Protein backbone atom coordinates (compact mmCIF):
# COMPACT_ATOMS: atom_id res chain seq x y z
CA MET A 1 -0.01 -0.07 -0.20
CA TYR A 2 1.24 3.39 -0.51
CA VAL A 3 -0.03 6.90 0.44
CA ASP A 4 0.42 10.18 -1.40
CA VAL A 5 0.38 13.26 0.74
CA ILE A 6 -0.58 16.59 -1.45
CA SER A 7 1.13 19.36 0.16
CA ASP A 8 2.99 22.90 -0.62
CA ALA A 9 4.47 22.93 2.77
CA SER A 10 6.45 19.38 2.55
CA ARG A 11 10.12 20.15 2.54
CA PHE A 12 12.46 16.99 3.00
CA ALA A 13 15.70 15.67 2.05
CA PRO A 14 16.25 12.28 0.31
CA GLY A 15 16.25 9.42 3.03
CA ASP A 16 13.94 11.34 5.64
CA TYR A 17 10.86 9.85 7.22
CA ILE A 18 7.79 10.85 8.64
CA LEU A 19 5.70 9.83 12.03
CA ILE A 20 2.09 8.87 11.12
CA ASN A 21 -0.81 8.74 13.67
CA VAL A 22 -4.37 7.37 12.60
CA PRO A 23 -6.23 8.12 15.79
CA CYS A 24 -9.27 5.87 14.83
CA ILE A 25 -6.88 3.03 14.67
CA ALA A 26 -4.61 3.94 17.72
CA LEU A 27 -4.95 7.16 19.49
CA TYR A 28 -1.60 7.65 20.77
CA GLU A 29 0.60 5.69 18.61
CA PHE A 30 3.00 7.43 15.87
CA HIS A 31 4.63 5.02 13.46
CA PRO A 32 7.61 6.04 11.23
CA PHE A 33 7.64 5.51 7.56
CA THR A 34 10.38 6.48 5.14
CA ILE A 35 9.37 8.88 2.42
CA SER A 36 10.00 7.25 -0.89
CA THR A 37 9.70 10.07 -3.20
CA ALA A 38 12.29 12.72 -4.18
CA PRO A 39 12.36 16.29 -3.17
CA GLU A 40 12.51 17.09 -6.99
CA GLU A 41 9.03 15.84 -7.14
CA GLN A 42 7.54 19.03 -5.81
CA ASN A 43 4.00 19.16 -3.93
CA TYR A 44 3.90 15.70 -2.82
CA LEU A 45 5.27 13.13 -0.86
CA ARG A 46 4.81 9.31 -0.78
CA VAL A 47 5.16 6.67 1.80
CA HIS A 48 5.03 2.81 1.08
CA ILE A 49 3.45 0.85 3.89
CA GLN A 50 3.77 -2.91 4.26
CA ALA A 51 0.78 -4.50 5.96
CA LYS A 52 2.85 -6.48 8.43
CA GLY A 53 1.79 -6.30 12.14
CA ASN A 54 -1.37 -5.41 14.06
CA TRP A 55 -1.29 -1.56 13.12
CA THR A 56 -0.44 -1.66 9.66
CA GLN A 57 -2.96 -4.71 8.84
CA LEU A 58 -5.67 -2.52 10.44
CA LEU A 59 -4.51 0.44 8.44
CA TYR A 60 -4.75 -1.48 5.16
CA LYS A 61 -8.30 -2.68 6.19
CA TYR A 62 -9.35 0.73 6.98
CA PHE A 63 -8.46 1.88 3.65
CA LYS A 64 -9.75 -0.94 1.72
CA ASP A 65 -13.12 -0.57 3.43
CA MET A 66 -13.00 3.16 2.50
CA SER A 67 -12.33 2.42 -1.12
CA ASP A 68 -15.09 -0.26 -1.22
CA LYS A 69 -17.66 2.13 0.33
CA PHE A 70 -16.85 5.42 -1.45
CA GLY A 71 -14.72 4.57 -4.56
CA ASP A 72 -13.29 7.66 -6.37
CA ASN A 73 -15.34 10.27 -4.48
CA ALA A 74 -13.50 9.93 -0.93
CA SER A 75 -10.88 12.02 0.49
CA VAL A 76 -9.18 12.38 3.83
CA LYS A 77 -7.65 15.34 5.78
CA ILE A 78 -4.07 15.05 6.90
CA TYR A 79 -2.81 17.37 9.44
CA ARG A 80 0.68 18.44 10.27
CA ALA A 81 0.98 18.06 14.26
CA ASP A 82 4.38 19.89 14.38
CA LEU A 83 2.73 22.92 12.95
CA ASN A 84 0.70 23.35 16.20
CA ALA A 85 2.27 26.23 18.51
CA ILE A 86 0.93 24.62 21.64
CA LYS A 87 1.60 21.03 22.23
CA ALA A 88 -1.62 19.48 22.94
CA ASN A 89 -2.59 15.73 23.56
CA VAL A 90 -4.22 13.86 20.93
CA GLU A 91 -7.83 14.35 21.99
CA GLU A 92 -7.41 17.85 22.16
CA ARG A 93 -5.74 18.10 18.62
CA ILE A 94 -8.63 16.09 17.16
CA GLU A 95 -11.26 18.32 18.76
CA ALA A 96 -9.56 21.45 17.23
CA ILE A 97 -9.37 19.74 13.86
CA ALA A 98 -13.12 18.83 14.00
CA SER A 99 -13.99 22.59 14.74
CA THR A 100 -11.55 24.33 12.44
CA GLU A 101 -11.55 22.53 9.06
CA ASP A 102 -9.89 25.27 7.25
CA SER A 103 -7.08 25.91 9.93
CA THR A 104 -3.19 25.94 8.96
CA GLY A 105 -1.69 22.60 8.22
CA VAL A 106 -4.51 20.83 6.37
CA PHE A 107 -3.55 18.69 3.49
CA ASN A 108 -5.31 16.54 0.73
CA ILE A 109 -4.68 12.90 0.44
CA ASN A 110 -4.90 10.32 -2.25
CA THR A 111 -4.50 6.86 -1.24
CA THR A 112 -3.97 3.80 -3.14
CA THR A 113 -4.20 0.15 -1.82
CA SER A 114 -2.79 -2.48 -4.38
CA SER A 115 -3.63 -1.07 -7.93
CA GLN A 116 -6.72 0.81 -6.91
CA SER A 117 -7.01 4.69 -6.25
CA GLU A 118 -8.90 5.59 -3.39
CA SER A 119 -10.07 8.33 -0.91
CA SER A 120 -13.07 8.54 1.08
CA LYS A 121 -15.12 11.47 2.51
CA GLN A 122 -15.15 10.74 6.29
CA SER A 123 -16.28 12.41 9.13
CA SER A 124 -14.14 15.34 10.64
CA LYS A 125 -13.00 12.93 13.60
CA THR A 126 -11.42 10.67 10.88
CA VAL A 127 -8.12 12.35 10.58
CA ILE A 128 -4.41 11.31 10.04
CA VAL A 129 -2.03 13.45 11.70
CA ILE A 130 1.78 13.48 10.56
CA ASN A 131 4.92 14.55 12.34
CA GLY A 132 8.20 15.28 10.63
CA PRO A 133 9.96 15.15 8.29
CA TYR A 134 12.89 13.83 10.36
CA SER A 135 16.38 13.20 9.18
CA SER A 136 18.14 9.62 9.13
CA CYS A 137 21.78 8.56 8.45
CA ALA A 138 20.55 8.05 4.62
CA ARG A 139 20.57 11.80 4.45
CA TYR A 140 24.36 12.07 4.39
CA ILE A 141 24.81 9.56 1.30
CA PHE A 142 25.57 12.62 -0.99
CA ASP A 143 28.58 13.50 1.05
CA CYS A 144 30.16 10.16 0.59
CA LYS A 145 32.35 9.09 -2.45
CA HIS A 146 31.37 5.39 -2.89
CA VAL A 147 28.08 4.22 -1.30
CA VAL A 148 26.75 0.67 -0.82
CA LEU A 149 23.11 0.77 -0.27
CA ILE A 150 21.64 -2.44 1.07
CA GLY A 151 17.94 -3.31 1.77
CA SER A 152 15.93 -6.31 2.53
CA GLY A 153 12.21 -6.67 2.05
CA ILE A 154 10.65 -3.19 3.01
CA GLY A 155 14.18 -1.95 3.88
CA ILE A 156 14.48 -0.77 0.45
CA THR A 157 12.18 2.06 0.92
CA PRO A 158 14.84 4.53 2.48
CA TYR A 159 16.78 4.27 -0.80
CA ALA A 160 13.77 4.74 -3.27
CA SER A 161 13.76 8.64 -2.34
CA ILE A 162 17.69 8.56 -2.89
CA LEU A 163 17.57 6.71 -6.28
CA PHE A 164 14.57 8.93 -7.36
CA SER A 165 16.60 12.08 -6.50
CA LEU A 166 19.69 10.88 -8.25
CA MET A 167 17.71 10.10 -11.41
CA ALA A 168 16.13 13.62 -11.06
CA ARG A 169 19.71 15.11 -11.15
CA PHE A 170 20.69 12.98 -14.16
CA ARG A 171 17.38 14.27 -16.02
CA THR A 172 18.45 17.99 -15.32
CA LEU A 173 21.38 17.47 -17.75
CA ARG A 174 19.31 15.99 -20.33
CA THR A 175 18.22 17.64 -23.87
CA VAL A 176 15.88 16.15 -26.35
CA CYS A 177 16.28 17.24 -29.74
CA LYS A 178 12.96 18.59 -31.36
CA ASP A 179 13.63 17.21 -34.74
CA CYS A 180 15.08 13.80 -34.25
CA GLN A 181 14.16 13.11 -30.83
CA GLY A 182 17.66 12.24 -29.74
CA VAL A 183 18.80 12.61 -26.32
CA THR A 184 22.15 14.25 -25.15
CA TYR A 185 23.26 15.46 -21.93
CA HIS A 186 25.10 18.70 -21.07
CA GLY A 187 27.66 19.39 -18.29
CA LYS A 188 30.94 17.88 -17.30
CA HIS A 189 29.63 15.58 -14.83
CA ARG A 190 26.11 14.10 -13.90
CA LEU A 191 26.57 14.99 -10.27
CA GLU A 192 28.86 18.20 -10.50
CA ASN A 193 29.25 19.84 -7.32
CA HIS A 194 28.44 16.62 -5.33
CA HIS A 195 31.02 14.43 -3.68
CA LEU A 196 29.22 11.03 -4.64
CA GLN A 197 30.77 9.29 -7.44
CA LYS A 198 29.55 5.76 -7.35
CA VAL A 199 26.65 3.55 -6.05
CA ASP A 200 26.15 -0.01 -5.63
CA PHE A 201 22.52 -1.01 -4.79
CA ILE A 202 22.06 -4.44 -3.09
CA TRP A 203 18.62 -5.68 -2.74
CA VAL A 204 17.64 -9.06 -0.97
CA THR A 205 14.03 -10.03 -1.10
CA ASN A 206 11.93 -13.29 -1.00
CA ASP A 207 8.92 -11.54 -3.09
CA ILE A 208 9.75 -9.76 -6.34
CA LYS A 209 6.15 -9.42 -7.38
CA SER A 210 5.09 -7.07 -4.43
CA TRP A 211 7.62 -4.60 -5.54
CA GLU A 212 6.77 -3.71 -9.09
CA TRP A 213 6.75 -0.04 -8.25
CA PHE A 214 10.31 -0.28 -7.24
CA LEU A 215 11.54 -2.67 -10.08
CA ASN A 216 10.10 0.25 -12.27
CA LEU A 217 12.29 2.71 -10.58
CA LEU A 218 15.34 0.49 -11.31
CA HIS A 219 14.30 0.02 -14.76
CA GLN A 220 14.03 3.77 -15.47
CA PHE A 221 17.51 4.39 -13.96
CA GLU A 222 19.03 1.76 -16.09
CA VAL A 223 17.63 3.37 -19.24
CA GLU A 224 18.64 6.85 -17.87
CA GLN A 225 22.31 5.64 -17.28
CA ASP A 226 22.57 3.79 -20.57
CA GLU A 227 21.50 6.98 -22.34
CA TYR A 228 23.84 9.14 -20.23
CA LEU A 229 26.73 6.66 -20.96
CA ALA A 230 26.11 6.68 -24.71
CA SER A 231 26.33 10.52 -24.56
CA ASN A 232 29.45 10.60 -22.39
CA ARG A 233 31.67 7.67 -23.48
CA ASP A 234 34.47 8.86 -21.21
CA GLU A 235 32.18 8.56 -17.99
CA ARG A 236 32.09 5.25 -15.93
CA ARG A 237 28.90 3.62 -14.67
CA PHE A 238 27.61 5.41 -11.58
CA LEU A 239 24.98 2.90 -10.56
CA ASP A 240 25.39 -0.82 -10.25
CA ILE A 241 22.48 -3.20 -9.20
CA HIS A 242 22.87 -6.43 -7.38
CA LEU A 243 19.63 -8.45 -6.75
CA TYR A 244 19.11 -11.55 -4.56
CA PHE A 245 15.90 -13.42 -4.69
CA THR A 246 15.82 -15.77 -1.73
CA GLY A 247 12.47 -17.39 -2.99
CA ILE A 248 14.73 -19.75 -5.10
CA LYS A 249 17.90 -20.96 -3.16
CA GLU A 250 21.47 -21.45 -5.16
CA ASP A 251 22.11 -25.13 -4.41
CA ASP A 252 22.92 -28.32 -6.19
CA ASN A 253 19.53 -29.83 -6.24
CA ILE A 254 18.92 -31.08 -9.72
CA GLY A 255 15.58 -29.34 -9.92
CA GLN A 256 17.07 -25.84 -9.03
CA VAL A 257 20.02 -26.28 -11.44
CA PHE A 258 17.56 -26.94 -14.20
CA LEU A 259 15.57 -24.03 -13.19
CA HIS A 260 18.49 -21.84 -13.04
CA HIS A 261 19.60 -22.82 -16.38
CA VAL A 262 16.25 -22.12 -17.84
CA ILE A 263 15.99 -18.95 -16.34
CA ASN A 264 19.58 -17.78 -17.53
CA LEU A 265 18.80 -18.92 -21.15
CA CYS A 266 15.56 -17.17 -21.48
CA SER A 267 17.03 -13.95 -19.95
CA GLU A 268 20.11 -14.21 -22.42
CA GLU A 269 17.41 -14.64 -25.23
CA LEU A 270 15.29 -11.52 -23.98
CA GLY A 271 18.06 -9.40 -23.27
CA GLY A 272 17.07 -8.87 -19.79
CA ASP A 273 16.39 -10.62 -16.65
CA ILE A 274 13.18 -12.93 -16.87
CA LEU A 275 12.09 -12.32 -13.29
CA THR A 276 12.51 -8.60 -13.07
CA GLY A 277 12.87 -7.29 -16.67
CA LEU A 278 16.12 -5.50 -15.73
CA LYS A 279 19.57 -5.78 -17.45
CA SER A 280 20.94 -6.58 -14.09
CA ARG A 281 21.05 -10.35 -13.38
CA THR A 282 19.15 -11.72 -10.49
CA HIS A 283 21.10 -13.99 -8.20
CA PHE A 284 19.49 -16.77 -6.24
CA GLY A 285 19.67 -17.30 -2.39
CA ARG A 286 21.42 -14.91 0.08
CA PRO A 287 24.65 -13.15 -1.01
CA ASP A 288 27.91 -14.39 0.27
CA TRP A 289 28.94 -11.16 1.59
CA ASN A 290 32.61 -11.79 1.82
CA ILE A 291 32.57 -12.53 -1.86
CA LEU A 292 30.44 -9.57 -2.66
CA PHE A 293 32.43 -7.01 -0.74
CA GLU A 294 35.80 -8.30 -2.35
CA SER A 295 34.27 -7.64 -5.80
CA LEU A 296 33.06 -4.18 -4.49
CA ILE A 297 36.55 -2.97 -3.54
CA SER A 298 38.53 -4.88 -6.20
CA ASN A 299 36.42 -3.38 -9.24
CA ASP A 300 38.12 -0.71 -11.26
CA SER A 301 35.24 1.53 -11.01
CA THR A 302 35.10 1.73 -7.11
CA SER A 303 37.44 3.56 -4.57
CA THR A 304 39.22 2.25 -1.91
CA GLU A 305 37.88 0.63 1.44
CA LYS A 306 38.29 3.80 3.23
CA ASP A 307 36.21 5.55 0.77
CA THR A 308 33.32 3.24 0.90
CA ASP A 309 30.26 3.70 3.11
CA VAL A 310 27.74 1.05 3.52
CA PHE A 311 24.04 1.93 4.46
CA PHE A 312 21.73 -0.87 5.58
CA CYS A 313 17.89 -1.29 6.49
CA GLY A 314 16.45 -4.65 6.96
CA GLN A 315 16.39 -7.75 9.19
CA ASN A 316 18.74 -7.73 12.09
CA SER A 317 20.37 -11.10 11.18
CA ILE A 318 21.40 -9.78 7.77
CA GLY A 319 22.53 -6.51 9.40
CA ARG A 320 25.02 -8.35 11.84
CA ASP A 321 26.71 -10.23 8.87
CA ILE A 322 26.94 -7.02 6.99
CA ARG A 323 28.28 -5.16 10.01
CA SER A 324 31.21 -8.00 10.45
CA CYS A 325 32.11 -7.67 6.89
CA CYS A 326 32.41 -3.90 7.25
CA MET A 327 34.79 -4.33 10.17
CA LYS A 328 36.73 -6.79 8.19
CA TYR A 329 37.36 -4.74 5.28
CA GLY A 330 37.58 -1.37 7.20
CA MET A 331 34.43 0.10 5.62
CA HIS A 332 32.02 2.74 7.45
CA TYR A 333 28.64 1.08 8.39
CA TYR A 334 25.37 2.85 8.97
CA GLU A 335 22.19 1.19 9.85
CA GLU A 336 18.63 2.47 9.69
CA LYS A 337 16.28 1.39 12.44
CA PHE A 338 12.86 2.04 13.07
CA GLN A 339 12.21 0.96 16.96
CA PHE A 340 9.57 3.00 18.57
C-alpha cells in the first residue's frame, strides 16, 4: 500500500521519514515511515507501507473498506502536528481539527491500496496526523564518495527516495532534440558539485512481485544511465544493481539447477532478466557477503575501502553479517532502524 500526501509545505531531503498517527486506529501511536519520493518531485510526498503487524494490517483494512464504500469520491484530511504552536494531547488536537476544518496545516490525500485509487469522504473525526519530516543517516549519502546501499524486504524504501533524487539530477542535464528526438546530456559531470561518485545497490528479497513499483524505478534508472553513458563515453557507470532473490535457493538440487539454467537461457534470449525485466542479473539465495564485498573494492570503478560507506536497512540477522564484513574490510557502516 502507498499513500500520497499532496502538500505545498512538505520540505524534506532524500532518506527522511515522517511519523504517522491515525487516531481511529490507535489514538496515541505514531509510526515511522520513510518518504519514498524525491524532493525534486515537488508538492507531494509518498510513503510505502507493508501490511505486516497489527497496526499496519488495521490501516490497510481501513483504507480498503473506505475504497470499497466510497470509490473515487473519497477524501481524507491530513494534519501536520508539528505546525501546532501549543503542544496538546491527541484528543484536544482532534477536537480542534473537527471545529476548524480550514486551519493551517490541512492537506489533501490520495491513497492507493494494491492497484486501486481510493479516497473517502470521512467525518471530521476521521483524521490522519503527521509529524516531521525527520532526518536519518541516509541523508548524508550525498557526502560520501562510494556508497553501498543494502536493503532487505521493505528495507529498500529509504533508498527509493535517494534513487529518485539521483535520477532527477541526471535528468536536469538531459536535452531532447525537437527534430530527431535524440537525447544528449550537457555538463561535465552528472553530479557536478557533489562528492558522490559511485553507488552499488544491493537488494535481498523473497518476493519480487510485490515490489513492481521499485523495479520500475530501477528500470528507469538503467535506461537513464545507458543514455547518459552513450552520450558521455568517457564516463564510468554510476549505479550497479545487485539483486538477490531468496525465494529460490542457489544449491545443487537437480530441479534448482535446471530452473536456474532455463532462467539464464531465457534472460539471454530476451536481453534482460526474466524475473525482473532489468538488465542486471538476479542471483538466487542470500549473497555471500565476503565475496560480494571483495568484488566491490576490487572493481576498477570503485574507490578504496576507506572511501566506501555502507548503508543498511532490514532484518537484524542480515545486518549483523554486513556489520562484520564492514569491520573486516574497514568500511564505514550505518544502519537504519525504526524501533519506536
